[in-house]
Amino acid sequence: MAENNSGVTPSTDDLTTWATTYGLTHPVVADANWGVGNQYEQDGGIPTLTLLAPGMEIVAVDAWVGDSDIEAVLP
């Protein structure tokens, strides 16, 4: 999460609230000033989808990822 509702880097409380509100079970981390997210954003649209294959191979960056794309990289 790059920004909270005030447009600043989210606090731990912001991240916890976000995860709890949406029932997330995966880690939610702060991305100060979009430092990491902007490395993978190419067309100015959010969300950005990045597909990783086993071994952390980057298969698609900022692309539409469909079921068949995911199935193709599964072991």
Protein backbone atom coordinates (compact mmCIF):
# COMPACT_ATOMS: atom_id res chain seq x y z
CA MET A 1 0.00 0.00 0.00
CA ALA A 2 1.61 3.23 -1.13
CA GLU A 3 -0.78 5.79 0.36
CA ASN A 4 -3.46 6.03 3.00
CA ASN A 5 -6.60 8.17 2.60
CA SER A 6 -4.55 11.26 3.47
CA GLY A 7 -2.10 10.62 0.63
CA VAL A 8 0.85 9.74 2.87
CA THR A 9 2.76 6.51 3.49
CA PRO A 10 0.48 4.25 5.54
CA SER A 11 1.22 3.51 9.18
CA THR A 12 1.18 0.04 10.70
CA ASP A 13 -2.36 0.79 11.91
CA ASP A 14 -3.43 1.75 8.37
CA LEU A 15 -2.03 -1.52 7.01
CA THR A 16 -3.69 -3.58 9.74
CA THR A 17 -7.03 -1.85 9.17
CA TRP A 18 -6.80 -2.46 5.40
CA ALA A 19 -6.00 -6.15 5.89
CA THR A 20 -8.75 -6.61 8.47
CA THR A 21 -11.38 -4.72 6.45
CA TYR A 22 -10.81 -6.85 3.35
CA GLY A 23 -10.11 -10.14 5.13
CA LEU A 24 -6.58 -10.37 3.77
CA THR A 25 -4.42 -13.18 5.05
CA HIS A 26 -1.27 -12.26 3.12
CA PRO A 27 1.20 -9.60 4.27
CA VAL A 28 0.35 -5.98 3.49
CA VAL A 29 3.35 -3.65 3.48
CA ALA A 30 3.92 0.07 3.03
CA ASP A 31 5.50 1.25 -0.24
CA ALA A 32 6.79 4.71 0.64
CA ASN A 33 6.49 7.13 -2.29
CA TRP A 34 5.58 4.22 -4.60
CA GLY A 35 9.28 3.26 -4.52
CA VAL A 36 8.70 -0.40 -5.38
CA GLY A 37 5.34 -0.29 -7.15
CA ASN A 38 6.49 2.20 -9.76
CA GLN A 39 9.26 -0.16 -10.86
CA TYR A 40 6.57 -2.47 -12.28
CA GLU A 41 3.96 0.08 -13.38
CA GLN A 42 4.30 0.89 -17.08
CA ASP A 43 0.97 2.19 -18.33
CA GLY A 44 -0.18 4.47 -15.51
CA GLY A 45 -3.03 2.20 -14.45
CA ILE A 46 -3.65 0.51 -11.15
CA PRO A 47 -3.79 -2.38 -10.38
CA THR A 48 -0.55 -3.63 -11.81
CA LEU A 49 -0.43 -7.39 -12.34
CA THR A 50 2.92 -9.16 -12.33
CA LEU A 51 3.05 -12.92 -12.92
CA LEU A 52 5.84 -14.88 -11.27
CA ALA A 53 6.72 -18.46 -12.15
CA PRO A 54 8.32 -20.93 -9.75
CA GLY A 55 11.84 -19.83 -8.91
CA MET A 56 10.70 -16.17 -8.93
CA GLU A 57 11.00 -15.93 -12.73
CA ILE A 58 9.16 -12.81 -13.92
CA VAL A 59 6.79 -13.90 -16.69
CA ALA A 60 4.63 -10.79 -17.15
CA VAL A 61 4.95 -7.22 -15.91
CA ASP A 62 2.01 -4.80 -15.89
CA ALA A 63 -0.04 -7.07 -18.10
CA TRP A 64 -3.42 -8.72 -18.08
CA VAL A 65 -2.94 -12.13 -16.45
CA GLY A 66 -5.63 -14.69 -17.15
CA ASP A 67 -6.26 -18.18 -15.85
CA SER A 68 -4.48 -19.78 -18.80
CA ASP A 69 -1.38 -17.65 -18.14
CA ILE A 70 -1.28 -18.80 -14.54
CA GLU A 71 -1.90 -22.43 -15.47
CA ALA A 72 0.93 -22.29 -18.02
CA VAL A 73 3.54 -21.53 -15.35
CA LEU A 74 2.33 -23.96 -12.71
CA PRO A 75 4.66 -26.91 -12.12
